[in-house]
Amino acid sequence: MIEFAAGKVKENPMVSATFPAPSADRPLLLASGSRYRAELLRRLHLPFEAITADVDEAPRPGEAPAALAQRLAAAKAQAVAARHPGRWVIGSDQVAAAGLRLLGKPGTRERAVEQLRLLSGRRAQFVTAVALVAGIDQPPRTALDTTVVRFRGLTDAEIGRYLDAEPALDCAGSFKCEGLGITLFEAIETRDPTALVGLPLIALRQLLADAGCPLP
């Protein structure tokens, strides 16, 4: 596992991949239906296809955000890899937490308002895990990024105007940092700005390189 947290990197060596790198004939598989992750992955200029992984995302009792994100990222990659043996597969998952409370995708405006009220004037952690299956019978290579977001104090009127302009009902925390959501923050503490969107490309590049698929 490679772990990125508070600027630190921890790495454990893994066995090299045992089948060829992705190509136009055998593209990489992204185990996700998220358009945000697909948009990020396109930045690496690798051929890929997106396939939704059928994985139960419910947290286990007492499961910490980092453990949950890692488990789900690996489970998604392994689920798709099991259906497509011999293909490189990327899985990713993000868990948002304010204190001890986990924040999922709001789904409705009412829940989005509730989440943004909770986050007003507070710090929240966004833990994003990525997993790469790149070898026959090999365990997933994984990386973890922790980004801290400091929200400014938000009034109900500001929350309402934001959600009118940019509904973010499919985003954990009820905002889009790559859009107007940036106006809700005082600061972002991160090693990789793409992690907050949902796929840490710096970590993923390293995973791919370690597995035998170097990028520029």
Protein backbone atom coordinates (compact mmCIF):
# COMPACT_ATOMS: atom_id res chain seq x y z
CA MET A 1 0.00 0.00 0.00
CA ILE A 2 1.05 3.57 -0.69
CA GLU A 3 -0.42 6.03 1.78
CA PHE A 4 -0.54 9.79 1.33
CA ALA A 5 -1.53 11.62 4.49
CA ALA A 6 -0.28 14.89 5.89
CA GLY A 7 2.44 14.97 3.24
CA LYS A 8 3.87 11.54 4.09
CA VAL A 9 4.30 8.61 1.76
CA LYS A 10 4.48 5.01 2.90
CA GLU A 11 5.19 2.28 0.42
CA ASN A 12 5.35 -1.50 0.55
CA PRO A 13 6.92 -3.29 -2.44
CA MET A 14 4.59 -5.37 -4.58
CA VAL A 15 5.15 -8.06 -7.19
CA SER A 16 5.31 -6.86 -10.79
CA ALA A 17 2.31 -7.28 -13.06
CA THR A 18 2.12 -10.54 -14.95
CA PHE A 19 0.25 -9.43 -18.04
CA PRO A 20 0.76 -6.61 -20.57
CA ALA A 21 0.03 -2.97 -19.88
CA PRO A 22 -3.29 -1.49 -21.10
CA SER A 23 -3.65 -0.88 -24.83
CA ALA A 24 -6.29 0.22 -27.30
CA ASP A 25 -7.19 -3.45 -27.81
CA ARG A 26 -7.29 -4.22 -24.08
CA PRO A 27 -8.10 -0.92 -22.35
CA LEU A 28 -7.88 -0.28 -18.65
CA LEU A 29 -11.14 -0.81 -16.75
CA LEU A 30 -12.43 1.83 -14.33
CA ALA A 31 -14.66 0.11 -11.78
CA SER A 32 -16.95 3.11 -11.35
CA GLY A 33 -20.01 4.74 -12.83
CA SER A 34 -18.86 8.17 -11.65
CA ARG A 35 -18.53 10.71 -14.44
CA TYR A 36 -16.19 12.71 -12.21
CA ARG A 37 -13.70 9.84 -11.93
CA ALA A 38 -13.94 9.18 -15.66
CA GLU A 39 -13.17 12.84 -16.41
CA LEU A 40 -10.12 12.70 -14.15
CA LEU A 41 -8.82 9.43 -15.61
CA ARG A 42 -8.96 10.90 -19.13
CA ARG A 43 -6.22 13.30 -18.04
CA LEU A 44 -3.74 10.39 -18.01
CA HIS A 45 -4.32 9.71 -21.74
CA LEU A 46 -4.77 5.98 -21.19
CA PRO A 47 -7.39 3.93 -23.06
CA PHE A 48 -10.08 2.86 -20.61
CA GLU A 49 -13.66 1.70 -20.25
CA ALA A 50 -15.90 2.45 -17.26
CA ILE A 51 -17.83 -0.44 -15.72
CA THR A 52 -19.96 -0.08 -12.61
CA ALA A 53 -18.99 -2.44 -9.80
CA ASP A 54 -21.83 -4.07 -7.88
CA VAL A 55 -20.52 -3.70 -4.33
CA ASP A 56 -22.33 -3.13 -1.04
CA GLU A 57 -20.97 0.21 0.19
CA ALA A 58 -22.49 0.10 3.67
CA PRO A 59 -19.91 0.71 6.41
CA ARG A 60 -19.23 -1.98 8.97
CA PRO A 61 -19.94 -1.18 12.64
CA GLY A 62 -17.18 1.04 13.99
CA GLU A 63 -15.30 1.09 10.68
CA ALA A 64 -12.98 4.08 10.37
CA PRO A 65 -13.20 6.28 7.24
CA ALA A 66 -9.77 5.23 5.95
CA ALA A 67 -10.49 1.52 6.44
CA LEU A 68 -13.88 1.88 4.75
CA ALA A 69 -12.49 3.74 1.72
CA GLN A 70 -9.66 1.23 1.26
CA ARG A 71 -11.93 -1.78 1.61
CA LEU A 72 -14.46 -0.47 -0.90
CA ALA A 73 -11.85 0.65 -3.46
CA ALA A 74 -10.26 -2.81 -3.40
CA ALA A 75 -13.65 -4.57 -3.46
CA LYS A 76 -14.75 -2.60 -6.53
CA ALA A 77 -11.53 -3.35 -8.41
CA GLN A 78 -11.66 -7.04 -7.51
CA ALA A 79 -15.34 -7.37 -8.43
CA VAL A 80 -14.75 -6.07 -11.94
CA ALA A 81 -11.46 -7.97 -12.30
CA ALA A 82 -13.29 -11.21 -11.48
CA ARG A 83 -15.62 -10.61 -14.45
CA HIS A 84 -12.78 -9.53 -16.75
CA PRO A 85 -9.72 -11.67 -15.97
CA GLY A 86 -6.45 -10.51 -17.44
CA ARG A 87 -7.45 -6.83 -17.49
CA TRP A 88 -6.03 -3.96 -15.47
CA VAL A 89 -8.74 -2.56 -13.20
CA ILE A 90 -8.92 0.61 -11.11
CA GLY A 91 -11.28 0.95 -8.17
CA SER A 92 -11.74 4.05 -6.05
CA ASP A 93 -13.84 5.19 -3.14
CA GLN A 94 -14.16 8.37 -1.11
CA VAL A 95 -15.42 8.75 2.45
CA ALA A 96 -16.22 12.17 3.89
CA ALA A 97 -16.37 12.72 7.63
CA ALA A 98 -17.11 15.67 9.89
CA GLY A 99 -15.97 14.63 13.33
CA LEU A 100 -17.41 11.16 13.90
CA ARG A 101 -20.19 11.57 11.34
CA LEU A 102 -19.82 10.06 7.87
CA LEU A 103 -21.21 12.15 5.02
CA GLY A 104 -22.54 10.31 1.99
CA LYS A 105 -24.09 11.64 -1.19
CA PRO A 106 -27.08 13.71 -0.08
CA GLY A 107 -29.47 12.69 -2.86
CA THR A 108 -32.00 15.40 -1.96
CA ARG A 109 -31.79 19.15 -1.48
CA GLU A 110 -32.98 18.83 2.11
CA ARG A 111 -30.07 16.54 2.97
CA ALA A 112 -27.65 18.77 1.09
CA VAL A 113 -28.78 21.75 3.16
CA GLU A 114 -28.34 19.66 6.32
CA GLN A 115 -24.82 18.62 5.34
CA LEU A 116 -23.69 22.15 4.49
CA ARG A 117 -25.13 23.47 7.75
CA LEU A 118 -23.14 20.80 9.58
CA LEU A 119 -19.96 21.71 7.69
CA SER A 120 -20.32 25.46 8.18
CA GLY A 121 -17.27 26.79 10.04
CA ARG A 122 -15.82 23.29 10.51
CA ARG A 123 -13.02 21.08 9.23
CA ALA A 124 -13.92 17.93 7.35
CA GLN A 125 -11.79 15.02 6.17
CA PHE A 126 -12.15 13.51 2.71
CA VAL A 127 -10.41 10.14 2.57
CA THR A 128 -9.96 8.86 -0.99
CA ALA A 129 -8.63 5.39 -1.74
CA VAL A 130 -7.58 3.97 -5.10
CA ALA A 131 -6.84 0.32 -5.88
CA LEU A 132 -5.20 -1.22 -8.93
CA VAL A 133 -5.52 -4.87 -9.94
CA ALA A 134 -2.61 -5.49 -12.29
CA GLY A 135 -1.48 -9.08 -12.09
CA ILE A 136 -2.84 -12.60 -12.12
CA ASP A 137 -3.61 -13.74 -8.58
CA GLN A 138 -2.00 -10.59 -7.17
CA PRO A 139 -3.62 -8.56 -4.36
CA PRO A 140 -4.64 -5.02 -5.31
CA ARG A 141 -2.06 -2.27 -5.06
CA THR A 142 -3.65 0.49 -3.01
CA ALA A 143 -3.07 4.12 -2.12
CA LEU A 144 -4.85 6.43 0.29
CA ASP A 145 -5.10 10.22 0.28
CA THR A 146 -6.47 12.34 3.12
CA THR A 147 -7.57 15.87 2.27
CA VAL A 148 -8.76 18.32 4.92
CA VAL A 149 -11.24 21.03 3.93
CA ARG A 150 -11.87 24.05 6.14
CA PHE A 151 -15.33 25.50 5.49
CA ARG A 152 -16.07 29.12 6.14
CA GLY A 153 -19.15 30.08 8.11
CA LEU A 154 -22.19 29.69 5.85
CA THR A 155 -25.60 31.31 6.27
CA ASP A 156 -28.77 29.54 5.16
CA ALA A 157 -29.12 32.14 2.40
CA GLU A 158 -25.61 31.35 1.09
CA ILE A 159 -26.31 27.63 1.20
CA GLY A 160 -29.54 28.13 -0.69
CA ARG A 161 -27.92 30.30 -3.37
CA TYR A 162 -25.13 27.76 -3.81
CA LEU A 163 -27.49 24.82 -4.25
CA ASP A 164 -29.65 26.87 -6.65
CA ALA A 165 -26.59 27.57 -8.81
CA GLU A 166 -24.86 24.20 -8.49
CA PRO A 167 -26.88 21.29 -7.10
CA ALA A 168 -24.36 18.74 -5.85
CA LEU A 169 -26.70 15.97 -4.81
CA ASP A 170 -24.40 13.24 -6.10
CA CYS A 171 -21.32 14.50 -4.22
CA ALA A 172 -20.33 13.57 -0.66
CA GLY A 173 -20.41 16.77 1.35
CA SER A 174 -22.87 18.43 -1.05
CA PHE A 175 -20.36 20.51 -3.03
CA LYS A 176 -18.24 20.41 -6.17
CA CYS A 177 -14.78 21.72 -5.40
CA GLU A 178 -13.95 21.89 -9.12
CA GLY A 179 -16.84 24.30 -9.61
CA LEU A 180 -18.61 26.92 -7.53
CA GLY A 181 -18.13 24.83 -4.41
CA ILE A 182 -14.65 26.32 -4.02
CA THR A 183 -16.36 29.48 -2.74
CA LEU A 184 -17.54 27.61 0.37
CA PHE A 185 -14.02 27.04 1.70
CA GLU A 186 -11.46 28.89 3.77
CA ALA A 187 -8.69 26.46 2.83
CA ILE A 188 -7.87 23.02 1.44
CA GLU A 189 -5.00 21.04 2.92
CA THR A 190 -4.00 18.39 0.39
CA ARG A 191 -1.13 16.66 -1.35
CA ASP A 192 -3.21 15.96 -4.44
CA PRO A 193 -6.07 18.30 -5.49
CA THR A 194 -7.59 15.61 -7.73
CA ALA A 195 -8.23 13.41 -4.69
CA LEU A 196 -11.00 15.69 -3.47
CA VAL A 197 -12.82 15.23 -6.79
CA GLY A 198 -12.69 11.46 -6.34
CA LEU A 199 -9.59 9.92 -7.94
CA PRO A 200 -6.07 10.80 -6.69
CA LEU A 201 -4.09 10.94 -9.93
CA ILE A 202 -0.69 11.47 -8.29
CA ALA A 203 -1.10 8.25 -6.32
CA LEU A 204 -2.59 6.42 -9.29
CA ARG A 205 0.32 7.38 -11.53
CA GLN A 206 2.71 5.85 -9.01
CA LEU A 207 0.63 2.67 -8.75
CA LEU A 208 0.60 2.32 -12.52
CA ALA A 209 4.35 2.92 -12.79
CA ASP A 210 5.08 0.37 -10.06
CA ALA A 211 2.94 -2.14 -11.93
CA GLY A 212 4.83 -1.64 -15.21
CA CYS A 213 2.77 1.05 -16.90
CA PRO A 214 4.85 4.25 -16.65
CA LEU A 215 3.40 7.59 -17.69
CA PRO A 216 5.26 10.74 -18.79
